[in-house]
PDB file of all heavy atoms in Angstrom:
ATOM      1  N   GLN A   1    -232.678  36.428 -68.020  1.00  0.00           N
ATOM      2  CA  GLN A   1    -232.047  35.763 -66.853  1.00  0.00           C
ATOM      3  C   GLN A   1    -232.839  34.467 -66.569  1.00  0.00           C
ATOM      4  O   GLN A   1    -234.039  34.307 -66.918  1.00  0.00           O
ATOM      5  CB  GLN A   1    -232.002  36.613 -65.664  1.00  0.00           C
ATOM      6  CG  GLN A   1    -233.390  36.985 -65.101  1.00  0.00           C
ATOM      7  CD  GLN A   1    -233.299  37.829 -63.836  1.00  0.00           C
ATOM      8  OE1 GLN A   1    -232.355  37.667 -63.072  1.00  0.00           O
ATOM      9  NE2 GLN A   1    -234.303  38.607 -63.556  1.00  0.00           N
ATOM     10  N   ASP A   2    -232.201  33.552 -65.906  1.00  0.00           N
ATOM     11  CA  ASP A   2    -232.773  32.355 -65.312  1.00  0.00           C
ATOM     12  C   ASP A   2    -232.380  32.400 -63.841  1.00  0.00           C
ATOM     13  O   ASP A   2    -231.225  32.080 -63.481  1.00  0.00           O
ATOM     14  CB  ASP A   2    -232.306  31.106 -65.945  1.00  0.00           C
ATOM     15  CG  ASP A   2    -233.017  29.815 -65.365  1.00  0.00           C
ATOM     16  OD1 ASP A   2    -233.561  29.919 -64.298  1.00  0.00           O
ATOM     17  OD2 ASP A   2    -232.979  28.791 -66.067  1.00  0.00           O
ATOM     18  N   THR A   3    -233.230  32.967 -63.023  1.00  0.00           N
ATOM     19  CA  THR A   3    -232.888  33.191 -61.588  1.00  0.00           C
ATOM     20  C   THR A   3    -232.627  31.821 -60.858  1.00  0.00           C
ATOM     21  O   THR A   3    -231.861  31.831 -59.868  1.00  0.00           O
ATOM     22  CB  THR A   3    -234.062  33.876 -60.845  1.00  0.00           C
ATOM     23  OG1 THR A   3    -235.257  33.178 -61.011  1.00  0.00           O
ATOM     24  CG2 THR A   3    -234.211  35.318 -61.450  1.00  0.00           C
ATOM     25  N   SER A   4    -233.187  30.718 -61.270  1.00  0.00           N
ATOM     26  CA  SER A   4    -232.949  29.499 -60.649  1.00  0.00           C
ATOM     27  C   SER A   4    -231.555  29.006 -60.819  1.00  0.00           C
ATOM     28  O   SER A   4    -231.072  28.130 -60.090  1.00  0.00           O
ATOM     29  CB  SER A   4    -233.947  28.364 -61.094  1.00  0.00           C
ATOM     30  OG  SER A   4    -233.804  28.017 -62.445  1.00  0.00           O
ATOM     31  N   LYS A   5    -230.907  29.474 -61.948  1.00  0.00           N
ATOM     32  CA  LYS A   5    -229.537  29.069 -62.234  1.00  0.00           C
ATOM     33  C   LYS A   5    -228.453  30.166 -61.934  1.00  0.00           C
ATOM     34  O   LYS A   5    -227.295  29.933 -62.263  1.00  0.00           O
ATOM     35  CB  LYS A   5    -229.496  28.662 -63.660  1.00  0.00           C
ATOM     36  CG  LYS A   5    -230.335  27.394 -63.976  1.00  0.00           C
ATOM     37  CD  LYS A   5    -230.188  27.091 -65.504  1.00  0.00           C
ATOM     38  CE  LYS A   5    -230.993  25.803 -65.847  1.00  0.00           C
ATOM     39  NZ  LYS A   5    -230.900  25.466 -67.282  1.00  0.00           N
ATOM     40  N   ASN A   6    -228.907  31.295 -61.454  1.00  0.00           N
ATOM     41  CA  ASN A   6    -228.027  32.479 -61.298  1.00  0.00           C
ATOM     42  C   ASN A   6    -227.320  32.737 -62.578  1.00  0.00           C
ATOM     43  O   ASN A   6    -226.071  32.896 -62.631  1.00  0.00           O
ATOM     44  CB  ASN A   6    -227.028  32.214 -60.159  1.00  0.00           C
ATOM     45  CG  ASN A   6    -227.652  32.262 -58.739  1.00  0.00           C
ATOM     46  OD1 ASN A   6    -228.906  32.461 -58.601  1.00  0.00           O
ATOM     47  ND2 ASN A   6    -226.785  32.111 -57.807  1.00  0.00           N
ATOM     48  N   THR A   7    -228.064  32.853 -63.655  1.00  0.00           N
ATOM     49  CA  THR A   7    -227.506  32.977 -64.981  1.00  0.00           C
ATOM     50  C   THR A   7    -228.190  34.033 -65.761  1.00  0.00           C
ATOM     51  O   THR A   7    -229.441  34.097 -65.739  1.00  0.00           O
ATOM     52  CB  THR A   7    -227.573  31.650 -65.755  1.00  0.00           C
ATOM     53  OG1 THR A   7    -226.889  30.615 -65.060  1.00  0.00           O
ATOM     54  CG2 THR A   7    -226.982  31.756 -67.159  1.00  0.00           C
ATOM     55  N   VAL A   8    -227.407  34.916 -66.470  1.00  0.00           N
ATOM     56  CA  VAL A   8    -227.951  35.793 -67.451  1.00  0.00           C
ATOM     57  C   VAL A   8    -227.528  35.455 -68.827  1.00  0.00           C
ATOM     58  O   VAL A   8    -226.496  34.856 -69.035  1.00  0.00           O
ATOM     59  CB  VAL A   8    -227.499  37.262 -67.078  1.00  0.00           C
ATOM     60  CG1 VAL A   8    -228.096  37.719 -65.671  1.00  0.00           C
ATOM     61  CG2 VAL A   8    -226.068  37.352 -67.098  1.00  0.00           C
ATOM     62  N   TYR A   9    -228.359  35.830 -69.827  1.00  0.00           N
ATOM     63  CA  TYR A   9    -228.122  35.509 -71.169  1.00  0.00           C
ATOM     64  C   TYR A   9    -228.094  36.819 -71.965  1.00  0.00           C
ATOM     65  O   TYR A   9    -228.673  37.763 -71.682  1.00  0.00           O
ATOM     66  CB  TYR A   9    -229.272  34.592 -71.637  1.00  0.00           C
ATOM     67  CG  TYR A   9    -229.398  33.312 -70.862  1.00  0.00           C
ATOM     68  CD1 TYR A   9    -230.374  33.333 -69.823  1.00  0.00           C
ATOM     69  CD2 TYR A   9    -228.627  32.184 -71.057  1.00  0.00           C
ATOM     70  CE1 TYR A   9    -230.546  32.094 -69.100  1.00  0.00           C
ATOM     71  CE2 TYR A   9    -228.761  31.065 -70.294  1.00  0.00           C
ATOM     72  CZ  TYR A   9    -229.793  30.986 -69.363  1.00  0.00           C
ATOM     73  OH  TYR A   9    -229.924  29.855 -68.587  1.00  0.00           O
ATOM     74  N   LEU A  10    -227.454  36.664 -73.146  1.00  0.00           N
ATOM     75  CA  LEU A  10    -227.491  37.669 -74.121  1.00  0.00           C
ATOM     76  C   LEU A  10    -227.865  37.026 -75.525  1.00  0.00           C
ATOM     77  O   LEU A  10    -226.951  36.401 -75.977  1.00  0.00           O
ATOM     78  CB  LEU A  10    -226.232  38.537 -74.262  1.00  0.00           C
ATOM     79  CG  LEU A  10    -226.251  39.716 -75.215  1.00  0.00           C
ATOM     80  CD1 LEU A  10    -227.239  40.728 -74.628  1.00  0.00           C
ATOM     81  CD2 LEU A  10    -224.879  40.278 -75.412  1.00  0.00           C
ATOM     82  N   GLN A  11    -229.050  37.130 -75.931  1.00  0.00           N
ATOM     83  CA  GLN A  11    -229.426  36.578 -77.249  1.00  0.00           C
ATOM     84  C   GLN A  11    -229.104  37.727 -78.326  1.00  0.00           C
ATOM     85  O   GLN A  11    -229.569  38.717 -78.231  1.00  0.00           O
ATOM     86  CB  GLN A  11    -230.928  36.338 -77.315  1.00  0.00           C
ATOM     87  CG  GLN A  11    -231.482  35.759 -78.624  1.00  0.00           C
ATOM     88  CD  GLN A  11    -230.849  34.419 -78.914  1.00  0.00           C
ATOM     89  OE1 GLN A  11    -230.838  33.494 -78.118  1.00  0.00           O
ATOM     90  NE2 GLN A  11    -230.314  34.231 -80.126  1.00  0.00           N
ATOM     91  N   MET A  12    -228.258  37.311 -79.235  1.00  0.00           N
ATOM     92  CA  MET A  12    -227.782  38.166 -80.251  1.00  0.00           C
ATOM     93  C   MET A  12    -228.207  37.689 -81.600  1.00  0.00           C
ATOM     94  O   MET A  12    -227.859  36.584 -82.037  1.00  0.00           O
ATOM     95  CB  MET A  12    -226.244  38.313 -80.254  1.00  0.00           C
ATOM     96  CG  MET A  12    -225.686  38.696 -78.908  1.00  0.00           C
ATOM     97  SD  MET A  12    -223.900  38.974 -78.901  1.00  0.00           S
ATOM     98  CE  MET A  12    -223.371  37.281 -79.295  1.00  0.00           C
ATOM     99  N   ASN A  13    -229.091  38.519 -82.237  1.00  0.00           N
ATOM    100  CA  ASN A  13    -229.693  38.171 -83.587  1.00  0.00           C
ATOM    101  C   ASN A  13    -229.178  39.261 -84.571  1.00  0.00           C
ATOM    102  O   ASN A  13    -228.764  40.289 -84.218  1.00  0.00           O
ATOM    103  CB  ASN A  13    -231.127  38.146 -83.555  1.00  0.00           C
ATOM    104  CG  ASN A  13    -231.725  37.042 -82.596  1.00  0.00           C
ATOM    105  OD1 ASN A  13    -231.127  35.944 -82.463  1.00  0.00           O
ATOM    106  ND2 ASN A  13    -232.867  37.339 -81.937  1.00  0.00           N
ATOM    107  N   SER A  14    -229.281  38.870 -85.873  1.00  0.00           N
ATOM    108  CA  SER A  14    -228.922  39.769 -86.946  1.00  0.00           C
ATOM    109  C   SER A  14    -227.485  40.362 -86.747  1.00  0.00           C
ATOM    110  O   SER A  14    -227.387  41.637 -86.878  1.00  0.00           O
ATOM    111  CB  SER A  14    -229.976  40.894 -87.060  1.00  0.00           C
ATOM    112  OG  SER A  14    -231.293  40.311 -87.238  1.00  0.00           O
ATOM    113  N   LEU A  15    -226.595  39.450 -86.475  1.00  0.00           N
ATOM    114  CA  LEU A  15    -225.292  40.020 -86.136  1.00  0.00           C
ATOM    115  C   LEU A  15    -224.540  40.584 -87.308  1.00  0.00           C
ATOM    116  O   LEU A  15    -224.789  40.164 -88.502  1.00  0.00           O
ATOM    117  CB  LEU A  15    -224.392  38.797 -85.570  1.00  0.00           C
ATOM    118  CG  LEU A  15    -224.716  38.373 -84.124  1.00  0.00           C
ATOM    119  CD1 LEU A  15    -224.288  36.975 -83.858  1.00  0.00           C
ATOM    120  CD2 LEU A  15    -224.118  39.382 -83.173  1.00  0.00           C
ATOM    121  N   LYS A  16    -223.838  41.656 -87.038  1.00  0.00           N
ATOM    122  CA  LYS A  16    -223.073  42.379 -88.073  1.00  0.00           C
ATOM    123  C   LYS A  16    -221.591  42.350 -87.776  1.00  0.00           C
ATOM    124  O   LYS A  16    -221.153  42.052 -86.625  1.00  0.00           O
ATOM    125  CB  LYS A  16    -223.508  43.875 -87.993  1.00  0.00           C
ATOM    126  CG  LYS A  16    -225.025  44.146 -88.078  1.00  0.00           C
ATOM    127  CD  LYS A  16    -225.273  45.648 -87.859  1.00  0.00           C
ATOM    128  CE  LYS A  16    -226.807  45.957 -87.997  1.00  0.00           C
ATOM    129  NZ  LYS A  16    -227.098  47.327 -87.750  1.00  0.00           N
ATOM    130  N   PRO A  17    -220.728  42.509 -88.804  1.00  0.00           N
ATOM    131  CA  PRO A  17    -219.293  42.531 -88.542  1.00  0.00           C
ATOM    132  C   PRO A  17    -218.805  43.463 -87.423  1.00  0.00           C
ATOM    133  O   PRO A  17    -217.916  43.079 -86.674  1.00  0.00           O
ATOM    134  CB  PRO A  17    -218.779  42.893 -89.899  1.00  0.00           C
ATOM    135  CG  PRO A  17    -219.721  42.440 -90.904  1.00  0.00           C
ATOM    136  CD  PRO A  17    -221.098  42.699 -90.201  1.00  0.00           C
ATOM    137  N   GLU A  18    -219.501  44.572 -87.270  1.00  0.00           N
ATOM    138  CA  GLU A  18    -219.214  45.532 -86.297  1.00  0.00           C
ATOM    139  C   GLU A  18    -219.442  45.044 -84.804  1.00  0.00           C
ATOM    140  O   GLU A  18    -219.082  45.709 -83.856  1.00  0.00           O
ATOM    141  CB  GLU A  18    -219.731  46.896 -86.538  1.00  0.00           C
ATOM    142  CG  GLU A  18    -221.224  46.858 -86.767  1.00  0.00           C
ATOM    143  CD  GLU A  18    -221.523  46.886 -88.239  1.00  0.00           C
ATOM    144  OE1 GLU A  18    -220.852  46.129 -89.086  1.00  0.00           O
ATOM    145  OE2 GLU A  18    -222.406  47.638 -88.614  1.00  0.00           O
ATOM    146  N   ASP A  19    -220.176  43.910 -84.749  1.00  0.00           N
ATOM    147  CA  ASP A  19    -220.422  43.305 -83.390  1.00  0.00           C
ATOM    148  C   ASP A  19    -219.267  42.491 -82.939  1.00  0.00           C
ATOM    149  O   ASP A  19    -219.321  42.040 -81.754  1.00  0.00           O
ATOM    150  CB  ASP A  19    -221.711  42.450 -83.458  1.00  0.00           C
ATOM    151  CG  ASP A  19    -222.974  43.268 -83.615  1.00  0.00           C
ATOM    152  OD1 ASP A  19    -223.074  44.355 -83.132  1.00  0.00           O
ATOM    153  OD2 ASP A  19    -223.838  42.773 -84.515  1.00  0.00           O
ATOM    154  N   THR A  20    -218.305  42.275 -83.774  1.00  0.00           N
ATOM    155  CA  THR A  20    -217.089  41.471 -83.421  1.00  0.00           C
ATOM    156  C   THR A  20    -216.364  42.120 -82.217  1.00  0.00           C
ATOM    157  O   THR A  20    -215.998  43.313 -82.347  1.00  0.00           O
ATOM    158  CB  THR A  20    -216.162  41.379 -84.562  1.00  0.00           C
ATOM    159  OG1 THR A  20    -216.830  40.604 -85.657  1.00  0.00           O
ATOM    160  CG2 THR A  20    -214.937  40.580 -84.200  1.00  0.00           C
ATOM    161  N   ALA A  21    -216.232  41.319 -81.166  1.00  0.00           N
ATOM    162  CA  ALA A  21    -215.543  41.884 -79.985  1.00  0.00           C
ATOM    163  C   ALA A  21    -215.438  40.766 -78.944  1.00  0.00           C
ATOM    164  O   ALA A  21    -215.990  39.687 -79.101  1.00  0.00           O
ATOM    165  CB  ALA A  21    -216.335  43.027 -79.377  1.00  0.00           C
ATOM    166  N   MET A  22    -214.679  40.982 -77.925  1.00  0.00           N
ATOM    167  CA  MET A  22    -214.736  40.241 -76.734  1.00  0.00           C
ATOM    168  C   MET A  22    -215.883  40.659 -75.858  1.00  0.00           C
ATOM    169  O   MET A  22    -216.021  41.891 -75.605  1.00  0.00           O
ATOM    170  CB  MET A  22    -213.419  40.359 -75.877  1.00  0.00           C
ATOM    171  CG  MET A  22    -212.270  39.647 -76.436  1.00  0.00           C
ATOM    172  SD  MET A  22    -212.457  37.729 -76.267  1.00  0.00           S
ATOM    173  CE  MET A  22    -212.432  37.571 -74.550  1.00  0.00           C
ATOM    174  N   TYR A  23    -216.712  39.734 -75.499  1.00  0.00           N
ATOM    175  CA  TYR A  23    -217.960  40.088 -74.699  1.00  0.00           C
ATOM    176  C   TYR A  23    -217.671  39.672 -73.214  1.00  0.00           C
ATOM    177  O   TYR A  23    -217.337  38.564 -72.974  1.00  0.00           O
ATOM    178  CB  TYR A  23    -219.166  39.420 -75.238  1.00  0.00           C
ATOM    179  CG  TYR A  23    -219.744  40.062 -76.491  1.00  0.00           C
ATOM    180  CD1 TYR A  23    -219.061  40.088 -77.705  1.00  0.00           C
ATOM    181  CD2 TYR A  23    -220.881  40.902 -76.418  1.00  0.00           C
ATOM    182  CE1 TYR A  23    -219.473  40.761 -78.815  1.00  0.00           C
ATOM    183  CE2 TYR A  23    -221.339  41.511 -77.562  1.00  0.00           C
ATOM    184  CZ  TYR A  23    -220.628  41.453 -78.751  1.00  0.00           C
ATOM    185  OH  TYR A  23    -221.150  42.134 -79.857  1.00  0.00           O
ATOM    186  N   TYR A  24    -217.938  40.659 -72.350  1.00  0.00           N
ATOM    187  CA  TYR A  24    -217.688  40.394 -70.957  1.00  0.00           C
ATOM    188  C   TYR A  24    -218.976  40.452 -70.111  1.00  0.00           C
ATOM    189  O   TYR A  24    -219.798  41.375 -70.324  1.00  0.00           O
ATOM    190  CB  TYR A  24    -216.720  41.430 -70.370  1.00  0.00           C
ATOM    191  CG  TYR A  24    -215.350  41.361 -70.951  1.00  0.00           C
ATOM    192  CD1 TYR A  24    -215.092  42.173 -72.129  1.00  0.00           C
ATOM    193  CD2 TYR A  24    -214.357  40.614 -70.495  1.00  0.00           C
ATOM    194  CE1 TYR A  24    -213.798  42.108 -72.668  1.00  0.00           C
ATOM    195  CE2 TYR A  24    -213.093  40.592 -71.047  1.00  0.00           C
ATOM    196  CZ  TYR A  24    -212.847  41.286 -72.127  1.00  0.00           C
ATOM    197  OH  TYR A  24    -211.569  41.357 -72.708  1.00  0.00           O
ATOM    198  N   CYS A  25    -219.064  39.587 -69.146  1.00  0.00           N
ATOM    199  CA  CYS A  25    -220.173  39.657 -68.160  1.00  0.00           C
ATOM    200  C   CYS A  25    -219.713  40.456 -66.944  1.00  0.00           C
ATOM    201  O   CYS A  25    -218.499  40.253 -66.574  1.00  0.00           O
ATOM    202  CB  CYS A  25    -220.591  38.279 -67.790  1.00  0.00           C
ATOM    203  SG  CYS A  25    -221.823  38.110 -66.491  1.00  0.00           S
ATOM    204  N   ALA A  26    -220.480  41.229 -66.412  1.00  0.00           N
ATOM    205  CA  ALA A  26    -220.181  41.977 -65.229  1.00  0.00           C
ATOM    206  C   ALA A  26    -221.349  42.012 -64.251  1.00  0.00           C
ATOM    207  O   ALA A  26    -222.434  41.811 -64.557  1.00  0.00           O
ATOM    208  CB  ALA A  26    -219.872  43.475 -65.662  1.00  0.00           C
ATOM    209  N   ALA A  27    -220.979  42.255 -62.979  1.00  0.00           N
ATOM    210  CA  ALA A  27    -221.952  42.192 -61.901  1.00  0.00           C
ATOM    211  C   ALA A  27    -221.780  43.273 -60.864  1.00  0.00           C
ATOM    212  O   ALA A  27    -220.657  43.729 -60.722  1.00  0.00           O
ATOM    213  CB  ALA A  27    -221.903  40.786 -61.238  1.00  0.00           C
ATOM    214  N   ASP A  28    -222.813  43.625 -60.156  1.00  0.00           N
ATOM    215  CA  ASP A  28    -222.804  44.416 -58.997  1.00  0.00           C
ATOM    216  C   ASP A  28    -222.593  45.868 -59.335  1.00  0.00           C
ATOM    217  O   ASP A  28    -221.702  46.526 -58.817  1.00  0.00           O
ATOM    218  CB  ASP A  28    -221.844  43.874 -57.977  1.00  0.00           C
ATOM    219  CG  ASP A  28    -222.129  44.406 -56.591  1.00  0.00           C
ATOM    220  OD1 ASP A  28    -223.262  44.973 -56.375  1.00  0.00           O
ATOM    221  OD2 ASP A  28    -221.278  44.291 -55.735  1.00  0.00           O
ATOM    222  N   SER A  29    -223.508  46.438 -60.130  1.00  0.00           N
ATOM    223  CA  SER A  29    -223.534  47.833 -60.380  1.00  0.00           C
ATOM    224  C   SER A  29    -224.791  48.350 -59.581  1.00  0.00           C
ATOM    225  O   SER A  29    -225.929  47.899 -59.835  1.00  0.00           O
ATOM    226  CB  SER A  29    -223.666  48.234 -61.819  1.00  0.00           C
ATOM    227  OG  SER A  29    -223.983  49.590 -61.985  1.00  0.00           O
ATOM    228  N   HIS A  30    -224.543  49.314 -58.667  1.00  0.00           N
ATOM    229  CA  HIS A  30    -225.645  49.826 -57.924  1.00  0.00           C
ATOM    230  C   HIS A  30    -226.712  50.553 -58.724  1.00  0.00           C
ATOM    231  O   HIS A  30    -227.910  50.479 -58.524  1.00  0.00           O
ATOM    232  CB  HIS A  30    -225.180  50.685 -56.766  1.00  0.00           C
ATOM    233  CG  HIS A  30    -226.142  50.884 -55.652  1.00  0.00           C
ATOM    234  ND1 HIS A  30    -226.570  49.981 -54.741  1.00  0.00           N
ATOM    235  CD2 HIS A  30    -226.844  52.034 -55.333  1.00  0.00           C
ATOM    236  CE1 HIS A  30    -227.463  50.490 -53.978  1.00  0.00           C
ATOM    237  NE2 HIS A  30    -227.664  51.758 -54.279  1.00  0.00           N
ATOM    238  N   ALA A  31    -226.270  51.258 -59.708  1.00  0.00           N
ATOM    239  CA  ALA A  31    -227.130  52.026 -60.536  1.00  0.00           C
ATOM    240  C   ALA A  31    -227.637  51.185 -61.742  1.00  0.00           C
ATOM    241  O   ALA A  31    -228.614  51.743 -62.366  1.00  0.00           O
ATOM    242  CB  ALA A  31    -226.401  53.269 -61.104  1.00  0.00           C
ATOM    243  N   CYS A  32    -227.049  50.144 -62.044  1.00  0.00           N
ATOM    244  CA  CYS A  32    -227.470  49.253 -63.188  1.00  0.00           C
ATOM    245  C   CYS A  32    -227.440  50.030 -64.442  1.00  0.00           C
ATOM    246  O   CYS A  32    -228.431  50.010 -65.251  1.00  0.00           O
ATOM    247  CB  CYS A  32    -228.776  48.592 -62.950  1.00  0.00           C
ATOM    248  SG  CYS A  32    -228.885  46.924 -63.697  1.00  0.00           S
ATOM    249  N   SER A  33    -226.405  50.697 -64.692  1.00  0.00           N
ATOM    250  CA  SER A  33    -226.151  51.514 -65.896  1.00  0.00           C
ATOM    251  C   SER A  33    -225.366  50.658 -66.926  1.00  0.00           C
ATOM    252  O   SER A  33    -225.052  49.464 -66.702  1.00  0.00           O
ATOM    253  CB  SER A  33    -225.484  52.843 -65.557  1.00  0.00           C
ATOM    254  OG  SER A  33    -224.151  52.633 -65.244  1.00  0.00           O
ATOM    255  N   LEU A  34    -225.004  51.305 -68.052  1.00  0.00           N
ATOM    256  CA  LEU A  34    -224.163  50.729 -69.027  1.00  0.00           C
ATOM    257  C   LEU A  34    -222.702  51.253 -68.969  1.00  0.00           C
ATOM    258  O   LEU A  34    -221.989  51.262 -69.933  1.00  0.00           O
ATOM    259  CB  LEU A  34    -224.717  50.871 -70.413  1.00  0.00           C
ATOM    260  CG  LEU A  34    -226.045  50.203 -70.668  1.00  0.00           C
ATOM    261  CD1 LEU A  34    -226.584  50.445 -72.083  1.00  0.00           C
ATOM    262  CD2 LEU A  34    -225.927  48.746 -70.442  1.00  0.00           C
ATOM    263  N   LEU A  35    -222.324  51.789 -67.757  1.00  0.00           N
ATOM    264  CA  LEU A  35    -220.995  52.341 -67.522  1.00  0.00           C
ATOM    265  C   LEU A  35    -220.081  51.267 -66.924  1.00  0.00           C
ATOM    266  O   LEU A  35    -220.402  50.675 -65.806  1.00  0.00           O
ATOM    267  CB  LEU A  35    -221.023  53.554 -66.614  1.00  0.00           C
ATOM    268  CG  LEU A  35    -221.810  54.709 -67.167  1.00  0.00           C
ATOM    269  CD1 LEU A  35    -221.917  55.830 -66.126  1.00  0.00           C
ATOM    270  CD2 LEU A  35    -221.281  55.245 -68.483  1.00  0.00           C
ATOM    271  N   ALA A  36    -219.120  50.863 -67.606  1.00  0.00           N
ATOM    272  CA  ALA A  36    -218.117  49.766 -67.094  1.00  0.00           C
ATOM    273  C   ALA A  36    -217.571  50.085 -65.640  1.00  0.00           C
ATOM    274  O   ALA A  36    -217.440  49.216 -64.924  1.00  0.00           O
ATOM    275  CB  ALA A  36    -217.077  49.612 -68.069  1.00  0.00           C
ATOM    276  N   ALA A  37    -217.289  51.387 -65.373  1.00  0.00           N
ATOM    277  CA  ALA A  37    -216.635  51.688 -64.182  1.00  0.00           C
ATOM    278  C   ALA A  37    -217.574  51.420 -62.910  1.00  0.00           C
ATOM    279  O   ALA A  37    -217.113  51.412 -61.871  1.00  0.00           O
ATOM    280  CB  ALA A  37    -216.174  53.165 -64.141  1.00  0.00           C
ATOM    281  N   SER A  38    -218.889  51.344 -63.244  1.00  0.00           N
ATOM    282  CA  SER A  38    -219.801  51.112 -62.132  1.00  0.00           C
ATOM    283  C   SER A  38    -219.953  49.663 -61.699  1.00  0.00           C
ATOM    284  O   SER A  38    -220.625  49.378 -60.654  1.00  0.00           O
ATOM    285  CB  SER A  38    -221.203  51.675 -62.479  1.00  0.00           C
ATOM    286  OG  SER A  38    -221.839  50.898 -63.497  1.00  0.00           O
ATOM    287  N   PHE A  39    -219.400  48.733 -62.465  1.00  0.00           N
ATOM    288  CA  PHE A  39    -219.458  47.318 -62.084  1.00  0.00           C
ATOM    289  C   PHE A  39    -218.220  46.828 -61.331  1.00  0.00           C
ATOM    290  O   PHE A  39    -217.117  47.219 -61.697  1.00  0.00           O
ATOM    291  CB  PHE A  39    -219.651  46.467 -63.325  1.00  0.00           C
ATOM    292  CG  PHE A  39    -221.040  46.601 -63.901  1.00  0.00           C
ATOM    293  CD1 PHE A  39    -221.386  47.616 -64.730  1.00  0.00           C
ATOM    294  CD2 PHE A  39    -221.960  45.599 -63.644  1.00  0.00           C
ATOM    295  CE1 PHE A  39    -222.725  47.737 -65.269  1.00  0.00           C
ATOM    296  CE2 PHE A  39    -223.293  45.634 -64.157  1.00  0.00           C
ATOM    297  CZ  PHE A  39    -223.640  46.665 -64.983  1.00  0.00           C
TER     298      PHE A  39
END
């Protein structure tokens, strides 16, 4: 993250074909888990 810009980043290296997808940013999960329903 860059807190001065209110911005988060995802650096993706060694990409594989199975990484192909739509990538979504989400915010405001109280538990900060990897469960989509919590955001």
